[in-house]
Amino acid sequence: YKCIALVAETYVFVYLGMAMVTFPIFESTVWLLMVYALLACFVGRLHIYIGSWIFNCFRSTESHPPAITPQYMFVMWFSGPRGGV
Protein backbone atom coordinates (compact mmCIF):
# COMPACT_ATOMS: atom_id res chain seq x y z
CA TYR A 1 0.00 0.00 0.00
CA LYS A 2 2.94 2.34 0.55
CA CYS A 3 3.85 2.20 -3.12
CA ILE A 4 0.29 2.97 -4.20
CA ALA A 5 0.09 5.85 -1.72
CA LEU A 6 3.38 7.28 -2.96
CA VAL A 7 2.31 7.06 -6.61
CA ALA A 8 -1.07 8.66 -5.84
CA GLU A 9 0.50 11.51 -3.87
CA THR A 10 3.07 12.12 -6.59
CA TYR A 11 0.31 12.16 -9.22
CA VAL A 12 -1.72 14.73 -7.27
CA PHE A 13 1.20 17.11 -6.80
CA VAL A 14 2.39 16.76 -10.40
CA TYR A 15 -1.16 17.36 -11.63
CA LEU A 16 -1.51 20.45 -9.44
CA GLY A 17 1.82 21.78 -10.67
CA MET A 18 0.92 21.19 -14.31
CA ALA A 19 -2.48 22.81 -13.81
CA MET A 20 -0.79 25.98 -12.60
CA VAL A 21 1.09 26.26 -15.91
CA THR A 22 -1.23 24.61 -18.42
CA PHE A 23 -4.75 25.76 -17.60
CA PRO A 24 -5.68 29.44 -18.05
CA ILE A 25 -6.97 29.70 -14.48
CA PHE A 26 -5.13 32.91 -13.65
CA GLU A 27 -6.82 35.02 -16.32
CA SER A 28 -9.98 35.44 -14.26
CA THR A 29 -8.59 34.88 -10.77
CA VAL A 30 -9.41 37.40 -8.08
CA TRP A 31 -5.99 37.72 -6.47
CA LEU A 32 -7.24 39.59 -3.40
CA LEU A 33 -9.67 36.76 -2.63
CA MET A 34 -6.83 34.27 -2.91
CA VAL A 35 -4.70 36.31 -0.49
CA TYR A 36 -7.60 36.56 1.98
CA ALA A 37 -8.25 32.82 1.77
CA LEU A 38 -4.60 32.00 2.40
CA LEU A 39 -4.46 34.44 5.29
CA ALA A 40 -7.63 32.91 6.77
CA CYS A 41 -6.05 29.44 6.57
CA PHE A 42 -2.97 30.58 8.45
CA VAL A 43 -4.95 32.52 11.06
CA GLY A 44 -7.21 29.51 11.52
CA ARG A 45 -4.19 27.45 12.52
CA LEU A 46 -3.29 29.79 15.42
CA HIS A 47 -5.06 27.42 17.80
CA ILE A 48 -1.88 25.31 17.61
CA TYR A 49 0.11 28.00 19.43
CA ILE A 50 -2.66 28.79 21.89
CA GLY A 51 -3.41 25.16 22.72
CA SER A 52 0.27 24.27 23.02
CA TRP A 53 0.87 27.20 25.35
CA ILE A 54 -2.05 26.15 27.57
CA PHE A 55 -0.79 22.55 27.51
CA ASN A 56 2.71 23.71 28.50
CA CYS A 57 1.31 25.71 31.45
CA PHE A 58 0.30 22.44 33.11
CA ARG A 59 3.65 20.75 32.45
CA SER A 60 6.66 20.81 34.72
CA THR A 61 10.25 20.75 33.50
CA GLU A 62 10.71 17.07 34.40
CA SER A 63 7.35 15.82 33.13
CA HIS A 64 6.93 13.10 30.53
CA PRO A 65 6.20 13.83 27.70
CA PRO A 66 8.18 17.07 27.76
CA ALA A 67 6.77 20.49 26.97
CA ILE A 68 6.10 21.37 23.34
CA THR A 69 8.93 23.47 21.91
CA PRO A 70 8.33 26.53 19.69
CA GLN A 71 10.02 24.73 16.80
CA TYR A 72 7.61 21.81 17.12
CA MET A 73 4.67 24.22 17.36
CA PHE A 74 5.75 25.78 14.06
CA VAL A 75 5.98 22.37 12.39
CA MET A 76 2.46 21.52 13.58
CA TRP A 77 1.18 24.91 12.40
CA PHE A 78 2.81 24.66 8.98
CA SER A 79 1.95 21.02 8.30
CA GLY A 80 -1.79 21.57 8.71
CA PRO A 81 -2.38 23.45 5.43
CA ARG A 82 -0.11 21.00 3.57
CA GLY A 83 -2.22 18.07 4.73
CA GLY A 84 -5.32 19.63 3.19
CA VAL A 85 -3.81 19.53 -0.29
PDB file of N, CA and C in Angstrom:
ATOM      1  N   TYR A   1       0.814  -1.198   0.000  1.00  0.00           N
ATOM      2  CA  TYR A   1       0.000   0.000   0.000  1.00  0.00           C
ATOM      3  C   TYR A   1       0.856   1.260   0.000  1.00  0.00           C
ATOM      4  N   LYS A   2       2.073   1.160   0.531  1.00  0.00           N
ATOM      5  CA  LYS A   2       2.942   2.338   0.552  1.00  0.00           C
ATOM      6  C   LYS A   2       3.276   2.805  -0.861  1.00  0.00           C
ATOM      7  N   CYS A   3       3.511   1.864  -1.740  1.00  0.00           N
ATOM      8  CA  CYS A   3       3.854   2.204  -3.118  1.00  0.00           C
ATOM      9  C   CYS A   3       2.676   2.884  -3.808  1.00  0.00           C
ATOM     10  N   ILE A   4       1.486   2.368  -3.597  1.00  0.00           N
ATOM     11  CA  ILE A   4       0.292   2.968  -4.202  1.00  0.00           C
ATOM     12  C   ILE A   4       0.066   4.368  -3.637  1.00  0.00           C
ATOM     13  N   ALA A   5       0.259   4.537  -2.329  1.00  0.00           N
ATOM     14  CA  ALA A   5       0.091   5.854  -1.717  1.00  0.00           C
ATOM     15  C   ALA A   5       1.107   6.848  -2.261  1.00  0.00           C
ATOM     16  N   LEU A   6       2.345   6.407  -2.434  1.00  0.00           N
ATOM     17  CA  LEU A   6       3.379   7.283  -2.964  1.00  0.00           C
ATOM     18  C   LEU A   6       3.084   7.691  -4.402  1.00  0.00           C
ATOM     19  N   VAL A   7       2.650   6.751  -5.206  1.00  0.00           N
ATOM     20  CA  VAL A   7       2.307   7.063  -6.605  1.00  0.00           C
ATOM     21  C   VAL A   7       1.117   8.016  -6.664  1.00  0.00           C
ATOM     22  N   ALA A   8       0.107   7.793  -5.837  1.00  0.00           N
ATOM     23  CA  ALA A   8      -1.072   8.658  -5.838  1.00  0.00           C
ATOM     24  C   ALA A   8      -0.717  10.071  -5.387  1.00  0.00           C
ATOM     25  N   GLU A   9       0.096  10.185  -4.346  1.00  0.00           N
ATOM     26  CA  GLU A   9       0.496  11.505  -3.868  1.00  0.00           C
ATOM     27  C   GLU A   9       1.341  12.230  -4.912  1.00  0.00           C
ATOM     28  N   THR A  10       2.248  11.516  -5.543  1.00  0.00           N
ATOM     29  CA  THR A  10       3.067  12.121  -6.593  1.00  0.00           C
ATOM     30  C   THR A  10       2.190  12.592  -7.741  1.00  0.00           C
ATOM     31  N   TYR A  11       1.216  11.791  -8.133  1.00  0.00           N
ATOM     32  CA  TYR A  11       0.310  12.165  -9.217  1.00  0.00           C
ATOM     33  C   TYR A  11      -0.445  13.445  -8.878  1.00  0.00           C
ATOM     34  N   VAL A  12      -0.954  13.550  -7.655  1.00  0.00           N
ATOM     35  CA  VAL A  12      -1.724  14.731  -7.266  1.00  0.00           C
ATOM     36  C   VAL A  12      -0.857  15.980  -7.336  1.00  0.00           C
ATOM     37  N   PHE A  13       0.358  15.921  -6.803  1.00  0.00           N
ATOM     38  CA  PHE A  13       1.195  17.112  -6.797  1.00  0.00           C
ATOM     39  C   PHE A  13       1.709  17.460  -8.188  1.00  0.00           C
ATOM     40  N   VAL A  14       1.989  16.472  -9.017  1.00  0.00           N
ATOM     41  CA  VAL A  14       2.390  16.756 -10.405  1.00  0.00           C
ATOM     42  C   VAL A  14       1.216  17.365 -11.159  1.00  0.00           C
ATOM     43  N   TYR A  15       0.028  16.828 -10.965  1.00  0.00           N
ATOM     44  CA  TYR A  15      -1.159  17.360 -11.633  1.00  0.00           C
ATOM     45  C   TYR A  15      -1.434  18.797 -11.200  1.00  0.00           C
ATOM     46  N   LEU A  16      -1.316  19.077  -9.912  1.00  0.00           N
ATOM     47  CA  LEU A  16      -1.514  20.451  -9.441  1.00  0.00           C
ATOM     48  C   LEU A  16      -0.476  21.391 -10.041  1.00  0.00           C
ATOM     49  N   GLY A  17       0.769  20.949 -10.091  1.00  0.00           N
ATOM     50  CA  GLY A  17       1.821  21.783 -10.672  1.00  0.00           C
ATOM     51  C   GLY A  17       1.605  22.031 -12.151  1.00  0.00           C
ATOM     52  N   MET A  18       1.181  21.015 -12.879  1.00  0.00           N
ATOM     53  CA  MET A  18       0.920  21.192 -14.308  1.00  0.00           C
ATOM     54  C   MET A  18      -0.303  22.072 -14.543  1.00  0.00           C
ATOM     55  N   ALA A  19      -1.287  21.984 -13.667  1.00  0.00           N
ATOM     56  CA  ALA A  19      -2.482  22.807 -13.814  1.00  0.00           C
ATOM     57  C   ALA A  19      -2.155  24.283 -13.637  1.00  0.00           C
ATOM     58  N   MET A  20      -1.175  24.583 -12.800  1.00  0.00           N
ATOM     59  CA  MET A  20      -0.788  25.981 -12.599  1.00  0.00           C
ATOM     60  C   MET A  20      -0.237  26.579 -13.892  1.00  0.00           C
ATOM     61  N   VAL A  21       0.442  25.769 -14.692  1.00  0.00           N
ATOM     62  CA  VAL A  21       1.094  26.262 -15.905  1.00  0.00           C
ATOM     63  C   VAL A  21       0.200  26.087 -17.130  1.00  0.00           C
ATOM     64  N   THR A  22      -0.511  24.986 -17.205  1.00  0.00           N
ATOM     65  CA  THR A  22      -1.229  24.612 -18.420  1.00  0.00           C
ATOM     66  C   THR A  22      -2.587  25.295 -18.556  1.00  0.00           C
ATOM     67  N   PHE A  23      -3.390  25.244 -17.509  1.00  0.00           N
ATOM     68  CA  PHE A  23      -4.750  25.758 -17.602  1.00  0.00           C
ATOM     69  C   PHE A  23      -4.764  27.271 -17.435  1.00  0.00           C
ATOM     70  N   PRO A  24      -5.625  27.966 -18.162  1.00  0.00           N
ATOM     71  CA  PRO A  24      -5.685  29.436 -18.048  1.00  0.00           C
ATOM     72  C   PRO A  24      -6.520  29.878 -16.845  1.00  0.00           C
ATOM     73  N   ILE A  25      -6.171  29.393 -15.667  1.00  0.00           N
ATOM     74  CA  ILE A  25      -6.974  29.698 -14.482  1.00  0.00           C
ATOM     75  C   ILE A  25      -6.656  31.062 -13.889  1.00  0.00           C
ATOM     76  N   PHE A  26      -5.518  31.638 -14.252  1.00  0.00           N
ATOM     77  CA  PHE A  26      -5.135  32.909 -13.651  1.00  0.00           C
ATOM     78  C   PHE A  26      -5.620  34.115 -14.438  1.00  0.00           C
ATOM     79  N   GLU A  27      -6.313  33.887 -15.543  1.00  0.00           N
ATOM     80  CA  GLU A  27      -6.821  35.016 -16.321  1.00  0.00           C
ATOM     81  C   GLU A  27      -8.017  35.670 -15.639  1.00  0.00           C
ATOM     82  N   SER A  28      -8.795  34.885 -14.916  1.00  0.00           N
ATOM     83  CA  SER A  28      -9.981  35.444 -14.256  1.00  0.00           C
ATOM     84  C   SER A  28      -9.926  35.269 -12.733  1.00  0.00           C
ATOM     85  N   THR A  29      -8.736  35.092 -12.205  1.00  0.00           N
ATOM     86  CA  THR A  29      -8.593  34.884 -10.768  1.00  0.00           C
ATOM     87  C   THR A  29      -8.649  36.212 -10.030  1.00  0.00           C
ATOM     88  N   VAL A  30      -9.377  36.224  -8.941  1.00  0.00           N
ATOM     89  CA  VAL A  30      -9.411  37.402  -8.080  1.00  0.00           C
ATOM     90  C   VAL A  30      -8.288  37.220  -7.061  1.00  0.00           C
ATOM     91  N   TRP A  31      -7.193  37.914  -7.279  1.00  0.00           N
ATOM     92  CA  TRP A  31      -5.993  37.719  -6.466  1.00  0.00           C
ATOM     93  C   TRP A  31      -6.223  38.115  -5.015  1.00  0.00           C
ATOM     94  N   LEU A  32      -7.000  39.153  -4.777  1.00  0.00           N
ATOM     95  CA  LEU A  32      -7.243  39.587  -3.398  1.00  0.00           C
ATOM     96  C   LEU A  32      -8.010  38.513  -2.625  1.00  0.00           C
ATOM     97  N   LEU A  33      -8.942  37.854  -3.291  1.00  0.00           N
ATOM     98  CA  LEU A  33      -9.668  36.759  -2.635  1.00  0.00           C
ATOM     99  C   LEU A  33      -8.728  35.614  -2.288  1.00  0.00           C
ATOM    100  N   MET A  34      -7.797  35.330  -3.171  1.00  0.00           N
ATOM    101  CA  MET A  34      -6.833  34.265  -2.911  1.00  0.00           C
ATOM    102  C   MET A  34      -5.936  34.615  -1.720  1.00  0.00           C
ATOM    103  N   VAL A  35      -5.526  35.865  -1.626  1.00  0.00           N
ATOM    104  CA  VAL A  35      -4.703  36.307  -0.493  1.00  0.00           C
ATOM    105  C   VAL A  35      -5.498  36.212   0.809  1.00  0.00           C
ATOM    106  N   TYR A  36      -6.763  36.655   0.786  1.00  0.00           N
ATOM    107  CA  TYR A  36      -7.600  36.565   1.981  1.00  0.00           C
ATOM    108  C   TYR A  36      -7.829  35.116   2.411  1.00  0.00           C
ATOM    109  N   ALA A  37      -8.035  34.234   1.452  1.00  0.00           N
ATOM    110  CA  ALA A  37      -8.252  32.825   1.773  1.00  0.00           C
ATOM    111  C   ALA A  37      -7.004  32.200   2.395  1.00  0.00           C
ATOM    112  N   LEU A  38      -5.844  32.518   1.840  1.00  0.00           N
ATOM    113  CA  LEU A  38      -4.595  31.996   2.396  1.00  0.00           C
ATOM    114  C   LEU A  38      -4.349  32.549   3.793  1.00  0.00           C
ATOM    115  N   LEU A  39      -4.610  33.822   3.974  1.00  0.00           N
ATOM    116  CA  LEU A  39      -4.459  34.436   5.294  1.00  0.00           C
ATOM    117  C   LEU A  39      -5.423  33.814   6.304  1.00  0.00           C
ATOM    118  N   ALA A  40      -6.648  33.541   5.877  1.00  0.00           N
ATOM    119  CA  ALA A  40      -7.628  32.913   6.766  1.00  0.00           C
ATOM    120  C   ALA A  40      -7.187  31.509   7.163  1.00  0.00           C
ATOM    121  N   CYS A  41      -6.561  30.778   6.232  1.00  0.00           N
ATOM    122  CA  CYS A  41      -6.054  29.438   6.569  1.00  0.00           C
ATOM    123  C   CYS A  41      -4.969  29.521   7.628  1.00  0.00           C
ATOM    124  N   PHE A  42      -4.054  30.459   7.482  1.00  0.00           N
ATOM    125  CA  PHE A  42      -2.966  30.578   8.451  1.00  0.00           C
ATOM    126  C   PHE A  42      -3.458  31.096   9.802  1.00  0.00           C
ATOM    127  N   VAL A  43      -4.396  32.021   9.794  1.00  0.00           N
ATOM    128  CA  VAL A  43      -4.953  32.515  11.056  1.00  0.00           C
ATOM    129  C   VAL A  43      -5.757  31.414  11.737  1.00  0.00           C
ATOM    130  N   GLY A  44      -6.435  30.606  10.963  1.00  0.00           N
ATOM    131  CA  GLY A  44      -7.213  29.510  11.522  1.00  0.00           C
ATOM    132  C   GLY A  44      -6.367  28.461  12.216  1.00  0.00           C
ATOM    133  N   ARG A  45      -5.094  28.413  11.887  1.00  0.00           N
ATOM    134  CA  ARG A  45      -4.190  27.449  12.516  1.00  0.00           C
ATOM    135  C   ARG A  45      -3.550  27.999  13.787  1.00  0.00           C
ATOM    136  N   LEU A  46      -3.890  29.211  14.212  1.00  0.00           N
ATOM    137  CA  LEU A  46      -3.290  29.787  15.420  1.00  0.00           C
ATOM    138  C   LEU A  46      -3.659  29.027  16.684  1.00  0.00           C
ATOM    139  N   HIS A  47      -4.697  28.201  16.615  1.00  0.00           N
ATOM    140  CA  HIS A  47      -5.058  27.416  17.801  1.00  0.00           C
ATOM    141  C   HIS A  47      -3.926  26.468  18.203  1.00  0.00           C
ATOM    142  N   ILE A  48      -3.027  26.159  17.279  1.00  0.00           N
ATOM    143  CA  ILE A  48      -1.879  25.313  17.605  1.00  0.00           C
ATOM    144  C   ILE A  48      -1.030  25.993  18.674  1.00  0.00           C
ATOM    145  N   TYR A  49      -0.706  27.266  18.459  1.00  0.00           N
ATOM    146  CA  TYR A  49       0.115  27.996  19.430  1.00  0.00           C
ATOM    147  C   TYR A  49      -0.618  28.200  20.748  1.00  0.00           C
ATOM    148  N   ILE A  50      -1.890  28.537  20.672  1.00  0.00           N
ATOM    149  CA  ILE A  50      -2.664  28.794  21.893  1.00  0.00           C
ATOM    150  C   ILE A  50      -2.840  27.508  22.696  1.00  0.00           C
ATOM    151  N   GLY A  51      -3.224  26.428  22.025  1.00  0.00           N
ATOM    152  CA  GLY A  51      -3.407  25.159  22.720  1.00  0.00           C
ATOM    153  C   GLY A  51      -2.112  24.600  23.279  1.00  0.00           C
ATOM    154  N   SER A  52      -1.025  24.755  22.532  1.00  0.00           N
ATOM    155  CA  SER A  52       0.268  24.272  23.022  1.00  0.00           C
ATOM    156  C   SER A  52       0.731  25.074  24.230  1.00  0.00           C
ATOM    157  N   TRP A  53       0.483  26.372  24.210  1.00  0.00           N
ATOM    158  CA  TRP A  53       0.867  27.205  25.353  1.00  0.00           C
ATOM    159  C   TRP A  53       0.077  26.807  26.598  1.00  0.00           C
ATOM    160  N   ILE A  54      -1.228  26.587  26.434  1.00  0.00           N
ATOM    161  CA  ILE A  54      -2.047  26.154  27.571  1.00  0.00           C
ATOM    162  C   ILE A  54      -1.585  24.788  28.063  1.00  0.00           C
ATOM    163  N   PHE A  55      -1.285  23.879  27.143  1.00  0.00           N
ATOM    164  CA  PHE A  55      -0.789  22.553  27.506  1.00  0.00           C
ATOM    165  C   PHE A  55       0.522  22.665  28.280  1.00  0.00           C
ATOM    166  N   ASN A  56       1.414  23.553  27.830  1.00  0.00           N
ATOM    167  CA  ASN A  56       2.706  23.712  28.498  1.00  0.00           C
ATOM    168  C   ASN A  56       2.579  24.352  29.880  1.00  0.00           C
ATOM    169  N   CYS A  57       1.506  25.106  30.124  1.00  0.00           N
ATOM    170  CA  CYS A  57       1.310  25.709  31.447  1.00  0.00           C
ATOM    171  C   CYS A  57       1.096  24.649  32.521  1.00  0.00           C
ATOM    172  N   PHE A  58       0.562  23.510  32.148  1.00  0.00           N
ATOM    173  CA  PHE A  58       0.296  22.444  33.107  1.00  0.00           C
ATOM    174  C   PHE A  58       1.422  21.410  33.167  1.00  0.00           C
ATOM    175  N   ARG A  59       2.490  21.653  32.454  1.00  0.00           N
ATOM    176  CA  ARG A  59       3.645  20.746  32.452  1.00  0.00           C
ATOM    177  C   ARG A  59       4.749  21.304  33.324  1.00  0.00           C
ATOM    178  N   SER A  60       5.468  20.406  33.991  1.00  0.00           N
ATOM    179  CA  SER A  60       6.659  20.815  34.720  1.00  0.00           C
ATOM    180  C   SER A  60       7.884  20.515  33.860  1.00  0.00           C
ATOM    181  N   THR A  61       9.040  20.936  34.311  1.00  0.00           N
ATOM    182  CA  THR A  61      10.254  20.752  33.505  1.00  0.00           C
ATOM    183  C   THR A  61      10.661  19.290  33.421  1.00  0.00           C
ATOM    184  N   GLU A  62      10.317  18.477  34.423  1.00  0.00           N
ATOM    185  CA  GLU A  62      10.714  17.072  34.396  1.00  0.00           C
ATOM    186  C   GLU A  62       9.557  16.128  34.053  1.00  0.00           C
ATOM    187  N   SER A  63       8.503  16.649  33.462  1.00  0.00           N
ATOM    188  CA  SER A  63       7.349  15.815  33.127  1.00  0.00           C
ATOM    189  C   SER A  63       7.619  14.993  31.866  1.00  0.00           C
ATOM    190  N   HIS A  64       6.819  13.943  31.732  1.00  0.00           N
ATOM    191  CA  HIS A  64       6.927  13.102  30.531  1.00  0.00           C
ATOM    192  C   HIS A  64       5.542  12.968  29.924  1.00  0.00           C
ATOM    193  N   PRO A  65       5.283  13.299  28.709  1.00  0.00           N
ATOM    194  CA  PRO A  65       6.198  13.827  27.703  1.00  0.00           C
ATOM    195  C   PRO A  65       6.587  15.267  28.012  1.00  0.00           C
ATOM    196  N   PRO A  66       7.704  15.714  27.462  1.00  0.00           N
ATOM    197  CA  PRO A  66       8.177  17.069  27.759  1.00  0.00           C
ATOM    198  C   PRO A  66       7.275  18.132  27.137  1.00  0.00           C
ATOM    199  N   ALA A  67       7.538  19.366  27.506  1.00  0.00           N
ATOM    200  CA  ALA A  67       6.768  20.486  26.970  1.00  0.00           C
ATOM    201  C   ALA A  67       6.989  20.610  25.459  1.00  0.00           C
ATOM    202  N   ILE A  68       6.022  21.192  24.793  1.00  0.00           N
ATOM    203  CA  ILE A  68       6.102  21.371  23.337  1.00  0.00           C
ATOM    204  C   ILE A  68       6.981  22.585  23.043  1.00  0.00           C
ATOM    205  N   THR A  69       7.999  22.389  22.228  1.00  0.00           N
ATOM    206  CA  THR A  69       8.930  23.468  21.907  1.00  0.00           C
ATOM    207  C   THR A  69       8.336  24.376  20.831  1.00  0.00           C
ATOM    208  N   PRO A  70       8.809  25.629  20.755  1.00  0.00           N
ATOM    209  CA  PRO A  70       8.334  26.529  19.690  1.00  0.00           C
ATOM    210  C   PRO A  70       8.615  25.996  18.285  1.00  0.00           C
ATOM    211  N   GLN A  71       9.720  25.289  18.105  1.00  0.00           N
ATOM    212  CA  GLN A  71      10.018  24.727  16.797  1.00  0.00           C
ATOM    213  C   GLN A  71       8.979  23.666  16.414  1.00  0.00           C
ATOM    214  N   TYR A  72       8.609  22.841  17.373  1.00  0.00           N
ATOM    215  CA  TYR A  72       7.613  21.806  17.115  1.00  0.00           C
ATOM    216  C   TYR A  72       6.234  22.424  16.874  1.00  0.00           C
ATOM    217  N   MET A  73       5.930  23.517  17.588  1.00  0.00           N
ATOM    218  CA  MET A  73       4.670  24.223  17.359  1.00  0.00           C
ATOM    219  C   MET A  73       4.602  24.734  15.918  1.00  0.00           C
ATOM    220  N   PHE A  74       5.724  25.273  15.424  1.00  0.00           N
ATOM    221  CA  PHE A  74       5.754  25.779  14.056  1.00  0.00           C
ATOM    222  C   PHE A  74       5.541  24.647  13.054  1.00  0.00           C
ATOM    223  N   VAL A  75       6.153  23.503  13.301  1.00  0.00           N
ATOM    224  CA  VAL A  75       5.984  22.367  12.393  1.00  0.00           C
ATOM    225  C   VAL A  75       4.518  21.934  12.371  1.00  0.00           C
ATOM    226  N   MET A  76       3.879  21.884  13.534  1.00  0.00           N
ATOM    227  CA  MET A  76       2.461  21.517  13.578  1.00  0.00           C
ATOM    228  C   MET A  76       1.605  22.557  12.862  1.00  0.00           C
ATOM    229  N   TRP A  77       1.927  23.850  13.028  1.00  0.00           N
ATOM    230  CA  TRP A  77       1.179  24.912  12.396  1.00  0.00           C
ATOM    231  C   TRP A  77       1.333  24.859  10.877  1.00  0.00           C
ATOM    232  N   PHE A  78       2.541  24.640  10.409  1.00  0.00           N
ATOM    233  CA  PHE A  78       2.811  24.657   8.981  1.00  0.00           C
ATOM    234  C   PHE A  78       2.332  23.396   8.272  1.00  0.00           C
ATOM    235  N   SER A  79       2.324  22.272   8.958  1.00  0.00           N
ATOM    236  CA  SER A  79       1.951  21.019   8.296  1.00  0.00           C
ATOM    237  C   SER A  79       0.434  20.891   8.130  1.00  0.00           C
ATOM    238  N   GLY A  80      -0.336  21.654   8.848  1.00  0.00           N
ATOM    239  CA  GLY A  80      -1.787  21.573   8.712  1.00  0.00           C
ATOM    240  C   GLY A  80      -2.293  21.940   7.328  1.00  0.00           C
ATOM    241  N   PRO A  81      -1.920  23.121   6.788  1.00  0.00           N
ATOM    242  CA  PRO A  81      -2.378  23.451   5.434  1.00  0.00           C
ATOM    243  C   PRO A  81      -1.843  22.489   4.372  1.00  0.00           C
ATOM    244  N   ARG A  82      -0.652  21.937   4.552  1.00  0.00           N
ATOM    245  CA  ARG A  82      -0.110  21.004   3.572  1.00  0.00           C
ATOM    246  C   ARG A  82      -0.949  19.727   3.537  1.00  0.00           C
ATOM    247  N   GLY A  83      -1.428  19.296   4.679  1.00  0.00           N
ATOM    248  CA  GLY A  83      -2.223  18.071   4.727  1.00  0.00           C
ATOM    249  C   GLY A  83      -3.547  18.208   3.998  1.00  0.00           C
ATOM    250  N   GLY A  84      -4.061  19.416   3.902  1.00  0.00           N
ATOM    251  CA  GLY A  84      -5.323  19.629   3.186  1.00  0.00           C
ATOM    252  C   GLY A  84      -5.185  19.453   1.686  1.00  0.00           C
ATOM    253  N   VAL A  85      -4.010  19.671   1.162  1.00  0.00           N
ATOM    254  CA  VAL A  85      -3.807  19.530  -0.290  1.00  0.00           C
ATOM    255  C   VAL A  85      -3.760  18.060  -0.616  1.00  0.00           C
TER     256      VAL A  85
END
